[in-house]
Protein backbone atom coordinates (compact mmCIF):
# COMPACT_ATOMS: atom_id res chain seq x y z
CA MET A 1 -81.76 142.82 104.35
CA SER A 2 -81.74 145.58 106.94
CA ARG A 3 -81.57 144.57 110.58
CA PHE A 4 -83.75 145.95 113.36
CA VAL A 5 -81.77 146.95 116.45
CA ALA A 6 -83.31 148.40 119.60
CA LEU A 7 -81.23 150.88 121.59
CA VAL A 8 -82.20 151.81 125.15
CA PRO A 9 -80.43 154.82 126.72
CA ALA A 10 -80.43 154.20 130.48
CA ALA A 11 -77.78 156.51 131.91
CA GLY A 12 -80.20 159.01 133.46
CA SER A 13 -80.92 159.55 137.14
CA GLY A 14 -84.70 160.07 136.88
CA SER A 15 -84.56 163.06 139.24
CA ARG A 16 -88.28 163.85 138.93
CA MET A 17 -89.09 160.61 140.79
CA GLY A 18 -87.54 162.17 143.88
CA GLY A 19 -85.62 159.10 145.08
CA ALA A 20 -82.01 158.01 145.29
CA LEU A 21 -82.52 155.02 142.98
CA PRO A 22 -82.66 155.82 139.23
CA LYS A 23 -86.23 155.27 138.06
CA GLN A 24 -85.28 152.52 135.60
CA TYR A 25 -84.32 150.35 138.59
CA LEU A 26 -87.41 150.96 140.72
CA PRO A 27 -89.39 147.81 141.55
CA LEU A 28 -92.38 147.07 139.32
CA LEU A 29 -94.36 143.87 139.92
CA GLY A 30 -91.41 142.23 141.60
CA ARG A 31 -88.78 143.13 138.97
CA PRO A 32 -86.78 146.27 138.19
CA LEU A 33 -88.72 148.50 135.82
CA ILE A 34 -86.03 148.23 133.14
CA ALA A 35 -86.42 144.45 132.99
CA HIS A 36 -89.99 144.85 131.70
CA THR A 37 -88.76 147.33 129.07
CA LEU A 38 -86.01 145.05 127.82
CA LEU A 39 -88.26 142.00 127.78
CA ALA A 40 -90.79 143.76 125.54
CA LEU A 41 -88.06 144.53 123.00
CA ALA A 42 -86.17 141.24 123.19
CA SER A 43 -89.41 139.25 122.78
CA HIS A 44 -90.23 140.70 119.37
CA PRO A 45 -89.20 138.36 116.52
CA ARG A 46 -88.21 141.19 114.15
CA ILE A 47 -85.77 142.76 116.61
CA ASP A 48 -82.35 141.24 116.07
CA ARG A 49 -80.51 142.88 118.95
CA VAL A 50 -81.17 144.99 122.05
CA VAL A 51 -78.42 147.44 123.04
CA LEU A 52 -78.52 148.90 126.54
CA VAL A 53 -76.47 152.07 127.10
CA LEU A 54 -75.51 152.53 130.74
CA SER A 55 -73.50 155.15 132.57
CA PRO A 56 -69.88 154.05 133.16
CA GLU A 57 -70.56 154.59 136.89
CA ASP A 58 -73.75 152.49 136.99
CA VAL A 59 -73.70 150.17 140.02
CA HIS A 60 -77.30 148.97 139.83
CA TRP A 61 -77.39 146.89 136.64
CA ALA A 62 -75.51 144.01 138.27
CA SER A 63 -78.53 143.32 140.48
CA VAL A 64 -80.98 143.08 137.54
CA ALA A 65 -81.86 139.47 136.83
CA PHE A 66 -82.35 139.80 133.09
CA ASP A 67 -80.59 137.91 130.35
CA SER A 68 -81.19 137.41 126.65
CA ASP A 69 -78.99 136.22 123.81
CA LYS A 70 -80.05 139.40 122.00
CA MET A 71 -78.59 141.70 124.67
CA THR A 72 -75.51 143.91 124.37
CA ILE A 73 -74.43 146.14 127.28
CA LEU A 74 -72.47 149.32 126.56
CA ARG A 75 -71.11 151.51 129.36
CA CYS A 76 -70.76 154.69 127.35
CA GLY A 77 -73.75 156.72 128.52
CA GLY A 78 -73.47 160.50 128.63
CA LYS A 79 -74.99 163.29 130.68
CA THR A 80 -77.93 163.70 128.30
CA ARG A 81 -80.14 161.34 126.32
CA ALA A 82 -78.70 162.66 123.06
CA GLN A 83 -75.15 161.96 124.24
CA SER A 84 -76.04 158.45 125.36
CA VAL A 85 -77.72 157.57 122.07
CA THR A 86 -74.90 159.12 120.03
CA ASN A 87 -72.23 157.30 122.03
CA GLY A 88 -74.10 154.03 121.70
CA LEU A 89 -74.49 154.40 117.95
CA GLN A 90 -70.82 155.27 117.51
CA SER A 91 -69.85 152.17 119.48
CA LEU A 92 -71.77 150.07 116.95
CA SER A 93 -70.10 151.57 113.88
CA ASP A 94 -68.23 148.37 113.00
CA GLU A 95 -71.31 146.20 113.34
CA LEU A 96 -74.24 148.06 111.78
CA LYS A 97 -74.81 148.94 108.14
CA PRO A 98 -75.96 152.44 107.13
CA ASP A 99 -79.44 151.16 106.23
CA ASP A 100 -80.03 149.12 109.39
CA TRP A 101 -82.97 150.33 111.44
CA VAL A 102 -82.41 151.58 114.99
CA LEU A 103 -85.39 151.74 117.37
CA VAL A 104 -84.54 154.06 120.27
CA HIS A 105 -86.78 153.34 123.25
CA ASP A 106 -87.08 154.95 126.70
CA ALA A 107 -85.78 152.77 129.53
CA ALA A 108 -88.72 153.99 131.66
CA ARG A 109 -91.41 152.97 129.17
CA PRO A 110 -92.05 149.38 130.38
CA CYS A 111 -95.55 148.78 128.98
CA LEU A 112 -94.63 148.63 125.30
CA ARG A 113 -96.69 145.94 123.60
CA GLN A 114 -95.84 143.63 120.74
CA GLU A 115 -98.66 145.16 118.71
CA HIS A 116 -97.03 148.60 119.09
CA LEU A 117 -93.81 147.21 117.62
CA ASP A 118 -95.72 145.35 114.89
CA ARG A 119 -97.38 148.59 113.81
CA LEU A 120 -94.22 150.71 113.98
CA ILE A 121 -92.07 148.28 112.03
CA GLY A 122 -94.84 147.44 109.57
CA GLU A 123 -95.51 151.07 108.68
CA LEU A 124 -91.90 152.23 108.56
CA GLU A 125 -89.72 149.43 107.23
CA ASN A 126 -90.09 150.73 103.65
CA ASP A 127 -90.34 154.41 104.59
CA PRO A 128 -87.65 156.73 103.20
CA VAL A 129 -87.29 158.65 106.50
CA GLY A 130 -88.58 156.64 109.47
CA GLY A 131 -90.78 157.83 112.29
CA ILE A 132 -92.07 157.46 115.82
CA LEU A 133 -94.88 156.06 117.89
CA ALA A 134 -97.13 158.91 118.97
CA MET A 135 -100.64 159.73 120.18
CA PRO A 136 -103.02 162.41 118.93
CA VAL A 137 -103.59 164.92 121.73
CA ALA A 138 -107.11 164.47 123.07
CA ASP A 139 -107.23 166.99 125.93
CA THR A 140 -107.53 170.76 125.75
CA LEU A 141 -104.07 172.26 126.28
CA LYS A 142 -103.33 175.30 128.45
CA ARG A 143 -100.13 177.37 128.46
CA ALA A 144 -99.22 178.60 131.96
CA ASP A 145 -97.67 181.89 133.00
CA SER A 146 -94.99 182.36 135.68
CA GLU A 147 -97.66 182.23 138.43
CA GLN A 148 -99.12 178.96 137.13
CA ARG A 149 -102.23 180.65 135.83
CA ILE A 150 -103.63 180.04 132.37
CA ALA A 151 -102.01 182.38 129.88
CA LYS A 152 -103.45 180.85 126.75
CA THR A 153 -105.46 177.93 125.41
CA VAL A 154 -103.47 176.06 122.78
CA PRO A 155 -105.46 174.53 119.89
CA ARG A 156 -104.94 170.75 119.90
CA GLU A 157 -105.69 170.18 116.22
CA SER A 158 -102.79 168.36 114.53
CA LEU A 159 -100.89 168.04 117.83
CA TRP A 160 -99.41 164.66 118.77
CA GLN A 161 -97.68 163.43 121.92
CA ALA A 162 -94.37 161.80 121.03
CA GLN A 163 -93.62 158.34 122.40
CA THR A 164 -90.94 155.75 121.73
CA PRO A 165 -89.62 153.71 120.03
CA GLN A 166 -88.36 156.23 117.49
CA MET A 167 -87.16 154.36 114.41
CA PHE A 168 -84.61 155.63 111.90
CA ARG A 169 -81.82 154.31 109.68
CA TYR A 170 -78.49 153.97 111.47
CA ALA A 171 -76.39 156.33 109.33
CA LEU A 172 -79.06 159.03 109.09
CA LEU A 173 -79.77 158.98 112.81
CA LEU A 174 -76.11 159.13 113.82
CA ASP A 175 -75.43 161.98 111.41
CA ALA A 176 -78.49 163.89 112.64
CA LEU A 177 -77.56 163.52 116.30
CA ILE A 178 -73.96 164.58 115.75
CA GLN A 179 -75.13 167.70 113.95
CA ALA A 180 -77.82 168.53 116.54
CA GLY A 181 -75.65 167.96 119.62
CA ASP A 182 -77.56 168.57 122.87
CA GLN A 183 -80.12 170.87 121.24
CA VAL A 184 -82.72 168.10 120.98
CA THR A 185 -84.64 165.99 123.48
CA ASP A 186 -85.59 163.18 121.13
CA GLU A 187 -84.29 161.55 117.96
CA ALA A 188 -87.11 162.81 115.75
CA SER A 189 -86.14 166.42 116.54
CA ALA A 190 -82.62 165.77 115.25
CA ILE A 191 -84.01 164.27 112.05
CA GLU A 192 -86.33 167.27 111.65
CA LYS A 193 -83.37 169.66 111.94
CA MET A 194 -81.94 168.01 108.82
CA GLY A 195 -85.08 168.91 106.89
CA PHE A 196 -86.81 165.52 106.99
CA LYS A 197 -90.37 164.81 108.13
CA PRO A 198 -90.61 161.68 110.31
CA LYS A 199 -93.87 159.75 110.09
CA LEU A 200 -96.27 159.60 113.04
CA VAL A 201 -97.38 156.03 113.76
CA GLU A 202 -100.34 155.93 116.13
CA GLY A 203 -99.73 154.33 119.50
CA ASP A 204 -101.92 154.50 122.59
CA ALA A 205 -101.94 155.50 126.25
CA ARG A 206 -100.82 152.06 127.43
CA ASN A 207 -97.29 152.86 126.23
CA LEU A 208 -96.78 154.89 129.40
CA LYS A 209 -93.53 156.59 130.36
CA VAL A 210 -92.82 156.44 134.09
CA THR A 211 -91.82 159.97 135.08
CA TYR A 212 -93.48 160.64 138.45
CA PRO A 213 -94.10 158.30 141.43
CA ARG A 214 -97.81 157.90 140.61
CA ASP A 215 -96.88 156.56 137.17
CA LEU A 216 -95.54 153.36 138.76
CA GLU A 217 -99.03 152.46 139.94
CA LEU A 218 -100.46 153.06 136.46
CA ALA A 219 -97.71 150.97 134.86
CA SER A 220 -98.43 148.16 137.30
CA LEU A 221 -102.13 148.19 136.39
CA ILE A 222 -101.37 148.18 132.66
CA LEU A 223 -98.98 145.24 132.94
CA GLN A 224 -101.30 143.25 135.19
CA ASN A 225 -104.18 143.64 132.75
CA ARG A 226 -102.40 142.40 129.65
């Protein structure tokens, strides 16, 4: 049977947070943010292994009090997300089969729930392509001009906001990322470039990605109200 392996690229600096500490290590309810992310993945019974991809120069992980017998730490992170995921997948080439599932999840998305993983795995484990957690866009979208004025209203019909995890077969995902290089910002885009159509599995707003300082407060509220 195919295995389910979570891969978390965590080599980024999180520059939009505006601080010296990478955002994945910022404190959240008394623990580093990344500890909440890893716990959500390691706690799921269908996930066999959690692979964390760090920068070779990372000096912060040593202070994170998180341990799990599912964890593997790889110090092969690159300058971009695509490089980190590709490097991580290549490091696992002797251990994963072509049909094993890889769930790539943002390090700064700490509020992932078990029900999100249940739905993603349940809908995709027999899918020929794979897919992603995503949310239908509910708000009216505006395109801005160079002066930050509204240039155009964008119809929201059929638009979805991509989330993670993004779940694809090991061999397909690695091949797609190698071919795409740094031209993509998420795994689904690389799969799309190969001509496939990943499935959209509906998530919700609780699966928040921490990008700006105010997002930490929202993440704290979501976790406290579980």
